[in-house]
């Protein structure tokens, strides 16, 4: 490759030293976090936003959480908790997320928008929660979304069960005589009593009679076998 190297390494070409000195390709203003500057709602979400404003209306029928947030915001405006709540154009915000009033239809429509649409693609519980929590918030939101996803008719009819099939349950065989089948268990780390801090329990499967044998928490397999034999 001598000829090619000669053409690419002409003596009048620069050596490339300090080419990138004081050169900024990505300026800081391009990397600013803009997640909390505002939420752009378009399409069906505009109608939802109008109903949210109506649900947070002031007066005798004011939504309880919205009423409590306004009282907290007005009376304790200098505290950290009140700083989490804000109100703008009739919309209540909690930590930068729109608070959805206590209306089953409103919350159902919000979840449906992030779960039932073709763009969302019927994701699971946690993915739907992540999509909803980008713009909205209400108390016990994860529980509400979990119940919604678990009762989705299309998901129940089309999604496969990704768990191994469970075998049939068979009852235990009834022993032929007493003390034929036993169960042994240890209750350990008890308060010290007469030099013992554990109890070995032996139960008969037929009559449920029990033998309580005092022992120690550090009993070995050989010691347990000796207790069982005696």
C-alpha atoms as a PDB file:
ATOM      1  CA  UNK A   1       0.000   0.000   0.000  1.00  0.00           C
ATOM      2  CA  UNK A   2       2.992   2.281  -0.469  1.00  0.00           C
ATOM      3  CA  UNK A   3       1.514   4.438  -3.206  1.00  0.00           C
ATOM      4  CA  UNK A   4      -1.791   4.932  -1.389  1.00  0.00           C
ATOM      5  CA  UNK A   5      -0.041   5.804   1.847  1.00  0.00           C
ATOM      6  CA  UNK A   6       2.072   8.322  -0.018  1.00  0.00           C
ATOM      7  CA  UNK A   7      -1.024  10.085  -1.392  1.00  0.00           C
ATOM      8  CA  UNK A   8      -2.749  10.150   1.997  1.00  0.00           C
ATOM      9  CA  UNK A   9       0.355  11.390   3.829  1.00  0.00           C
ATOM     10  CA  UNK A  10       1.398  14.354   1.758  1.00  0.00           C
ATOM     11  CA  UNK A  11       3.909  16.619   3.495  1.00  0.00           C
ATOM     12  CA  UNK A  12       1.706  19.687   3.028  1.00  0.00           C
ATOM     13  CA  UNK A  13      -1.174  18.071   4.946  1.00  0.00           C
ATOM     14  CA  UNK A  14      -1.599  18.858   8.610  1.00  0.00           C
ATOM     15  CA  UNK A  15      -0.729  16.259  11.221  1.00  0.00           C
ATOM     16  CA  UNK A  16      -4.092  16.645  12.978  1.00  0.00           C
ATOM     17  CA  UNK A  17      -2.722  17.833  16.295  1.00  0.00           C
ATOM     18  CA  UNK A  18      -5.102  20.018  18.351  1.00  0.00           C
ATOM     19  CA  UNK A  19      -7.841  19.734  15.725  1.00  0.00           C
ATOM     20  CA  UNK A  20     -10.530  19.223  18.369  1.00  0.00           C
ATOM     21  CA  UNK A  21      -9.215  21.732  20.843  1.00  0.00           C
ATOM     22  CA  UNK A  22     -11.956  23.992  22.243  1.00  0.00           C
ATOM     23  CA  UNK A  23     -14.521  22.548  19.809  1.00  0.00           C
ATOM     24  CA  UNK A  24     -17.965  21.807  21.351  1.00  0.00           C
ATOM     25  CA  UNK A  25     -20.299  19.706  19.216  1.00  0.00           C
ATOM     26  CA  UNK A  26     -23.143  19.248  21.735  1.00  0.00           C
ATOM     27  CA  UNK A  27     -23.817  22.489  23.556  1.00  0.00           C
ATOM     28  CA  UNK A  28     -25.246  22.340  27.100  1.00  0.00           C
ATOM     29  CA  UNK A  29     -28.561  23.888  26.089  1.00  0.00           C
ATOM     30  CA  UNK A  30     -29.201  20.922  23.794  1.00  0.00           C
ATOM     31  CA  UNK A  31     -28.914  18.511  26.733  1.00  0.00           C
ATOM     32  CA  UNK A  32     -31.273  20.340  29.106  1.00  0.00           C
ATOM     33  CA  UNK A  33     -33.958  18.233  30.763  1.00  0.00           C
ATOM     34  CA  UNK A  34     -37.317  19.403  29.467  1.00  0.00           C
ATOM     35  CA  UNK A  35     -39.550  16.698  30.925  1.00  0.00           C
ATOM     36  CA  UNK A  36     -41.229  19.036  33.430  1.00  0.00           C
ATOM     37  CA  UNK A  37     -41.635  22.113  31.236  1.00  0.00           C
ATOM     38  CA  UNK A  38     -45.182  21.126  30.308  1.00  0.00           C
ATOM     39  CA  UNK A  39     -47.330  18.398  28.872  1.00  0.00           C
ATOM     40  CA  UNK A  40     -48.602  18.725  25.318  1.00  0.00           C
ATOM     41  CA  UNK A  41     -52.011  17.120  25.110  1.00  0.00           C
ATOM     42  CA  UNK A  42     -53.523  16.512  21.703  1.00  0.00           C
ATOM     43  CA  UNK A  43     -56.409  14.544  20.215  1.00  0.00           C
ATOM     44  CA  UNK A  44     -58.596  12.654  22.715  1.00  0.00           C
ATOM     45  CA  UNK A  45     -56.568  13.963  25.636  1.00  0.00           C
ATOM     46  CA  UNK A  46     -57.892  17.480  25.052  1.00  0.00           C
ATOM     47  CA  UNK A  47     -61.416  16.333  25.900  1.00  0.00           C
ATOM     48  CA  UNK A  48     -60.082  14.491  28.945  1.00  0.00           C
ATOM     49  CA  UNK A  49     -58.307  17.657  30.072  1.00  0.00           C
ATOM     50  CA  UNK A  50     -61.552  19.648  29.806  1.00  0.00           C
ATOM     51  CA  UNK A  51     -63.368  17.134  31.992  1.00  0.00           C
ATOM     52  CA  UNK A  52     -60.487  17.177  34.477  1.00  0.00           C
ATOM     53  CA  UNK A  53     -60.936  20.946  34.807  1.00  0.00           C
ATOM     54  CA  UNK A  54     -64.647  20.432  35.407  1.00  0.00           C
ATOM     55  CA  UNK A  55     -63.943  17.695  37.951  1.00  0.00           C
ATOM     56  CA  UNK A  56     -61.682  20.029  39.921  1.00  0.00           C
ATOM     57  CA  UNK A  57     -64.265  22.815  39.994  1.00  0.00           C
ATOM     58  CA  UNK A  58     -64.595  24.909  43.094  1.00  0.00           C
ATOM     59  CA  UNK A  59     -67.763  25.121  45.155  1.00  0.00           C
ATOM     60  CA  UNK A  60     -69.845  22.756  47.232  1.00  0.00           C
ATOM     61  CA  UNK A  61     -69.149  19.805  44.955  1.00  0.00           C
ATOM     62  CA  UNK A  62     -65.412  20.263  44.844  1.00  0.00           C
ATOM     63  CA  UNK A  63     -63.355  17.090  44.535  1.00  0.00           C
ATOM     64  CA  UNK A  64     -62.014  16.097  48.019  1.00  0.00           C
ATOM     65  CA  UNK A  65     -58.353  15.689  47.027  1.00  0.00           C
ATOM     66  CA  UNK A  66     -58.387  18.903  45.018  1.00  0.00           C
ATOM     67  CA  UNK A  67     -59.981  20.748  47.933  1.00  0.00           C
ATOM     68  CA  UNK A  68     -57.393  19.421  50.398  1.00  0.00           C
ATOM     69  CA  UNK A  69     -54.541  20.281  48.034  1.00  0.00           C
ATOM     70  CA  UNK A  70     -55.779  23.847  47.610  1.00  0.00           C
ATOM     71  CA  UNK A  71     -56.092  24.300  51.367  1.00  0.00           C
ATOM     72  CA  UNK A  72     -52.585  22.916  51.867  1.00  0.00           C
ATOM     73  CA  UNK A  73     -51.246  25.099  49.089  1.00  0.00           C
ATOM     74  CA  UNK A  74     -52.841  28.252  50.488  1.00  0.00           C
ATOM     75  CA  UNK A  75     -52.155  27.752  54.196  1.00  0.00           C
ATOM     76  CA  UNK A  76     -48.714  26.120  54.000  1.00  0.00           C
ATOM     77  CA  UNK A  77     -47.344  27.695  50.866  1.00  0.00           C
ATOM     78  CA  UNK A  78     -43.778  27.669  52.180  1.00  0.00           C
ATOM     79  CA  UNK A  79     -43.523  23.998  53.077  1.00  0.00           C
ATOM     80  CA  UNK A  80     -42.057  21.207  50.984  1.00  0.00           C
ATOM     81  CA  UNK A  81     -45.312  19.266  50.760  1.00  0.00           C
ATOM     82  CA  UNK A  82     -47.286  22.176  49.431  1.00  0.00           C
ATOM     83  CA  UNK A  83     -44.592  22.750  46.818  1.00  0.00           C
ATOM     84  CA  UNK A  84     -45.488  19.351  45.336  1.00  0.00           C
ATOM     85  CA  UNK A  85     -48.939  20.669  44.435  1.00  0.00           C
ATOM     86  CA  UNK A  86     -49.693  23.480  42.015  1.00  0.00           C
ATOM     87  CA  UNK A  87     -52.663  24.734  40.036  1.00  0.00           C
ATOM     88  CA  UNK A  88     -52.652  26.158  36.540  1.00  0.00           C
ATOM     89  CA  UNK A  89     -55.736  27.132  34.511  1.00  0.00           C
ATOM     90  CA  UNK A  90     -58.008  24.942  36.636  1.00  0.00           C
ATOM     91  CA  UNK A  91     -55.759  21.875  36.370  1.00  0.00           C
ATOM     92  CA  UNK A  92     -54.218  20.463  39.540  1.00  0.00           C
ATOM     93  CA  UNK A  93     -50.622  19.258  39.255  1.00  0.00           C
ATOM     94  CA  UNK A  94     -48.777  16.884  41.591  1.00  0.00           C
ATOM     95  CA  UNK A  95     -45.011  16.666  41.085  1.00  0.00           C
ATOM     96  CA  UNK A  96     -45.381  17.750  37.480  1.00  0.00           C
ATOM     97  CA  UNK A  97     -48.182  15.265  36.709  1.00  0.00           C
ATOM     98  CA  UNK A  98     -51.842  16.065  36.079  1.00  0.00           C
ATOM     99  CA  UNK A  99     -54.066  14.924  38.927  1.00  0.00           C
ATOM    100  CA  UNK A 100     -57.088  12.971  37.636  1.00  0.00           C
ATOM    101  CA  UNK A 101     -60.194  13.520  39.812  1.00  0.00           C
ATOM    102  CA  UNK A 102     -62.041  10.676  41.475  1.00  0.00           C
ATOM    103  CA  UNK A 103     -64.150   9.724  38.495  1.00  0.00           C
ATOM    104  CA  UNK A 104     -64.248   6.139  37.314  1.00  0.00           C
ATOM    105  CA  UNK A 105     -64.975   7.159  33.729  1.00  0.00           C
ATOM    106  CA  UNK A 106     -62.125   9.699  33.582  1.00  0.00           C
ATOM    107  CA  UNK A 107     -59.530   7.341  35.000  1.00  0.00           C
ATOM    108  CA  UNK A 108     -60.808   4.500  32.841  1.00  0.00           C
ATOM    109  CA  UNK A 109     -60.452   6.633  29.712  1.00  0.00           C
ATOM    110  CA  UNK A 110     -56.922   7.646  30.652  1.00  0.00           C
ATOM    111  CA  UNK A 111     -55.890   4.016  31.146  1.00  0.00           C
ATOM    112  CA  UNK A 112     -57.714   2.962  27.990  1.00  0.00           C
ATOM    113  CA  UNK A 113     -55.776   5.553  26.021  1.00  0.00           C
ATOM    114  CA  UNK A 114     -52.484   4.021  27.188  1.00  0.00           C
ATOM    115  CA  UNK A 115     -53.566   0.385  26.929  1.00  0.00           C
ATOM    116  CA  UNK A 116     -56.339  -0.261  24.403  1.00  0.00           C
ATOM    117  CA  UNK A 117     -55.179   1.847  21.467  1.00  0.00           C
ATOM    118  CA  UNK A 118     -53.297   0.372  18.516  1.00  0.00           C
ATOM    119  CA  UNK A 119     -50.256   2.479  19.321  1.00  0.00           C
ATOM    120  CA  UNK A 120     -50.125   1.188  22.900  1.00  0.00           C
ATOM    121  CA  UNK A 121     -50.695  -2.416  21.834  1.00  0.00           C
ATOM    122  CA  UNK A 122     -52.261  -3.756  25.057  1.00  0.00           C
ATOM    123  CA  UNK A 123     -49.090  -3.831  27.190  1.00  0.00           C
ATOM    124  CA  UNK A 124     -48.931  -5.405  30.612  1.00  0.00           C
ATOM    125  CA  UNK A 125     -49.478  -3.887  34.045  1.00  0.00           C
ATOM    126  CA  UNK A 126     -46.106  -2.197  34.508  1.00  0.00           C
ATOM    127  CA  UNK A 127     -45.722  -0.896  30.962  1.00  0.00           C
ATOM    128  CA  UNK A 128     -49.211   0.590  31.089  1.00  0.00           C
ATOM    129  CA  UNK A 129     -48.398   2.141  34.459  1.00  0.00           C
ATOM    130  CA  UNK A 130     -45.252   3.692  32.980  1.00  0.00           C
ATOM    131  CA  UNK A 131     -47.216   5.184  30.070  1.00  0.00           C
ATOM    132  CA  UNK A 132     -49.941   6.628  32.305  1.00  0.00           C
ATOM    133  CA  UNK A 133     -47.517   7.979  34.903  1.00  0.00           C
ATOM    134  CA  UNK A 134     -45.730  10.067  32.278  1.00  0.00           C
ATOM    135  CA  UNK A 135     -48.516  12.656  32.361  1.00  0.00           C
ATOM    136  CA  UNK A 136     -51.081  11.668  35.011  1.00  0.00           C
ATOM    137  CA  UNK A 137     -51.299  10.711  38.675  1.00  0.00           C
ATOM    138  CA  UNK A 138     -53.946   9.728  41.240  1.00  0.00           C
ATOM    139  CA  UNK A 139     -53.861   7.766  44.524  1.00  0.00           C
ATOM    140  CA  UNK A 140     -53.485   3.963  44.217  1.00  0.00           C
ATOM    141  CA  UNK A 141     -52.913   4.312  40.479  1.00  0.00           C
ATOM    142  CA  UNK A 142     -50.880   1.100  40.233  1.00  0.00           C
ATOM    143  CA  UNK A 143     -53.666  -0.948  41.841  1.00  0.00           C
ATOM    144  CA  UNK A 144     -56.304   0.553  39.546  1.00  0.00           C
ATOM    145  CA  UNK A 145     -54.241  -0.134  36.407  1.00  0.00           C
ATOM    146  CA  UNK A 146     -53.505  -3.688  37.572  1.00  0.00           C
ATOM    147  CA  UNK A 147     -57.212  -4.440  37.928  1.00  0.00           C
ATOM    148  CA  UNK A 148     -57.925  -2.864  34.539  1.00  0.00           C
ATOM    149  CA  UNK A 149     -55.249  -4.909  32.737  1.00  0.00           C
ATOM    150  CA  UNK A 150     -56.205  -8.172  34.477  1.00  0.00           C
ATOM    151  CA  UNK A 151     -59.839  -7.799  33.348  1.00  0.00           C
ATOM    152  CA  UNK A 152     -59.158  -6.725  29.752  1.00  0.00           C
ATOM    153  CA  UNK A 153     -61.287  -8.995  27.559  1.00  0.00           C
ATOM    154  CA  UNK A 154     -58.980  -8.884  24.530  1.00  0.00           C
ATOM    155  CA  UNK A 155     -55.891  -9.649  26.619  1.00  0.00           C
ATOM    156  CA  UNK A 156     -57.617 -12.598  28.308  1.00  0.00           C
ATOM    157  CA  UNK A 157     -58.734 -14.079  24.981  1.00  0.00           C
ATOM    158  CA  UNK A 158     -55.582 -13.603  22.905  1.00  0.00           C
ATOM    159  CA  UNK A 159     -52.516 -13.518  25.151  1.00  0.00           C
ATOM    160  CA  UNK A 160     -51.014 -16.934  25.962  1.00  0.00           C
ATOM    161  CA  UNK A 161     -50.391 -18.060  29.511  1.00  0.00           C
ATOM    162  CA  UNK A 162     -46.606 -18.027  29.995  1.00  0.00           C
ATOM    163  CA  UNK A 163     -46.629 -20.238  33.084  1.00  0.00           C
ATOM    164  CA  UNK A 164     -46.107 -23.964  33.173  1.00  0.00           C
ATOM    165  CA  UNK A 165     -49.364 -25.934  33.556  1.00  0.00           C
ATOM    166  CA  UNK A 166     -50.138 -26.977  37.099  1.00  0.00           C
ATOM    167  CA  UNK A 167     -50.721 -30.660  37.787  1.00  0.00           C
ATOM    168  CA  UNK A 168     -53.887 -31.929  39.378  1.00  0.00           C
ATOM    169  CA  UNK A 169     -54.050 -31.946  43.158  1.00  0.00           C
ATOM    170  CA  UNK A 170     -54.259 -35.417  44.699  1.00  0.00           C
ATOM    171  CA  UNK A 171     -55.208 -36.040  48.330  1.00  0.00           C
ATOM    172  CA  UNK A 172     -52.681 -37.654  50.607  1.00  0.00           C
ATOM    173  CA  UNK A 173     -52.987 -41.363  51.245  1.00  0.00           C
ATOM    174  CA  UNK A 174     -54.749 -42.227  54.488  1.00  0.00           C
ATOM    175  CA  UNK A 175     -52.365 -44.205  56.735  1.00  0.00           C
ATOM    176  CA  UNK A 176     -53.342 -47.748  57.633  1.00  0.00           C
ATOM    177  CA  UNK A 177     -52.607 -47.390  61.343  1.00  0.00           C
ATOM    178  CA  UNK A 178     -51.705 -44.871  63.996  1.00  0.00           C
ATOM    179  CA  UNK A 179     -48.156 -43.495  64.049  1.00  0.00           C
ATOM    180  CA  UNK A 180     -47.604 -44.951  60.587  1.00  0.00           C
ATOM    181  CA  UNK A 181     -47.095 -41.549  58.929  1.00  0.00           C
ATOM    182  CA  UNK A 182     -45.493 -38.748  60.922  1.00  0.00           C
ATOM    183  CA  UNK A 183     -44.536 -35.128  60.367  1.00  0.00           C
ATOM    184  CA  UNK A 184     -41.547 -33.616  62.133  1.00  0.00           C
ATOM    185  CA  UNK A 185     -40.849 -29.923  62.558  1.00  0.00           C
ATOM    186  CA  UNK A 186     -38.650 -27.678  64.688  1.00  0.00           C
ATOM    187  CA  UNK A 187     -39.584 -24.461  66.509  1.00  0.00           C
ATOM    188  CA  UNK A 188     -36.245 -22.756  67.135  1.00  0.00           C
ATOM    189  CA  UNK A 189     -34.750 -19.649  68.744  1.00  0.00           C
ATOM    190  CA  UNK A 190     -37.187 -19.649  71.666  1.00  0.00           C
ATOM    191  CA  UNK A 191     -36.468 -18.041  75.069  1.00  0.00           C
ATOM    192  CA  UNK A 192     -34.121 -20.248  77.076  1.00  0.00           C
ATOM    193  CA  UNK A 193     -36.010 -22.628  79.395  1.00  0.00           C
ATOM    194  CA  UNK A 194     -34.260 -25.330  81.496  1.00  0.00           C
ATOM    195  CA  UNK A 195     -31.277 -25.153  79.141  1.00  0.00           C
ATOM    196  CA  UNK A 196     -33.328 -25.609  75.948  1.00  0.00           C
ATOM    197  CA  UNK A 197     -34.264 -23.050  73.297  1.00  0.00           C
ATOM    198  CA  UNK A 198     -36.052 -25.201  70.677  1.00  0.00           C
ATOM    199  CA  UNK A 199     -38.877 -27.726  70.432  1.00  0.00           C
ATOM    200  CA  UNK A 200     -39.062 -30.745  68.138  1.00  0.00           C
ATOM    201  CA  UNK A 201     -42.690 -31.537  67.287  1.00  0.00           C
ATOM    202  CA  UNK A 202     -43.734 -34.976  66.030  1.00  0.00           C
ATOM    203  CA  UNK A 203     -47.349 -35.214  64.811  1.00  0.00           C
ATOM    204  CA  UNK A 204     -49.345 -38.319  63.943  1.00  0.00           C
ATOM    205  CA  UNK A 205     -51.204 -37.928  60.627  1.00  0.00           C
ATOM    206  CA  UNK A 206     -54.239 -39.959  61.813  1.00  0.00           C
ATOM    207  CA  UNK A 207     -55.074 -38.808  65.323  1.00  0.00           C
ATOM    208  CA  UNK A 208     -53.042 -35.556  65.205  1.00  0.00           C
ATOM    209  CA  UNK A 209     -51.420 -36.471  68.490  1.00  0.00           C
ATOM    210  CA  UNK A 210     -48.234 -34.578  69.140  1.00  0.00           C
ATOM    211  CA  UNK A 211     -44.995 -35.211  70.994  1.00  0.00           C
ATOM    212  CA  UNK A 212     -43.102 -32.071  72.063  1.00  0.00           C
ATOM    213  CA  UNK A 213     -39.406 -32.800  72.594  1.00  0.00           C
ATOM    214  CA  UNK A 214     -37.168 -30.090  74.085  1.00  0.00           C
ATOM    215  CA  UNK A 215     -33.905 -29.574  72.208  1.00  0.00           C
ATOM    216  CA  UNK A 216     -31.489 -26.890  71.022  1.00  0.00           C
ATOM    217  CA  UNK A 217     -31.467 -24.645  67.960  1.00  0.00           C
ATOM    218  CA  UNK A 218     -28.013 -25.980  67.001  1.00  0.00           C
ATOM    219  CA  UNK A 219     -29.080 -29.633  67.063  1.00  0.00           C
ATOM    220  CA  UNK A 220     -27.392 -31.733  64.369  1.00  0.00           C
ATOM    221  CA  UNK A 221     -28.910 -34.354  62.082  1.00  0.00           C
ATOM    222  CA  UNK A 222     -27.491 -37.105  64.284  1.00  0.00           C
ATOM    223  CA  UNK A 223     -28.975 -35.484  67.387  1.00  0.00           C
ATOM    224  CA  UNK A 224     -32.377 -35.143  65.729  1.00  0.00           C
ATOM    225  CA  UNK A 225     -32.288 -38.799  64.701  1.00  0.00           C
ATOM    226  CA  UNK A 226     -31.457 -39.809  68.267  1.00  0.00           C
ATOM    227  CA  UNK A 227     -34.372 -37.750  69.608  1.00  0.00           C
ATOM    228  CA  UNK A 228     -36.693 -39.306  67.053  1.00  0.00           C
ATOM    229  CA  UNK A 229     -35.547 -42.816  67.958  1.00  0.00           C
ATOM    230  CA  UNK A 230     -36.137 -42.293  71.688  1.00  0.00           C
END
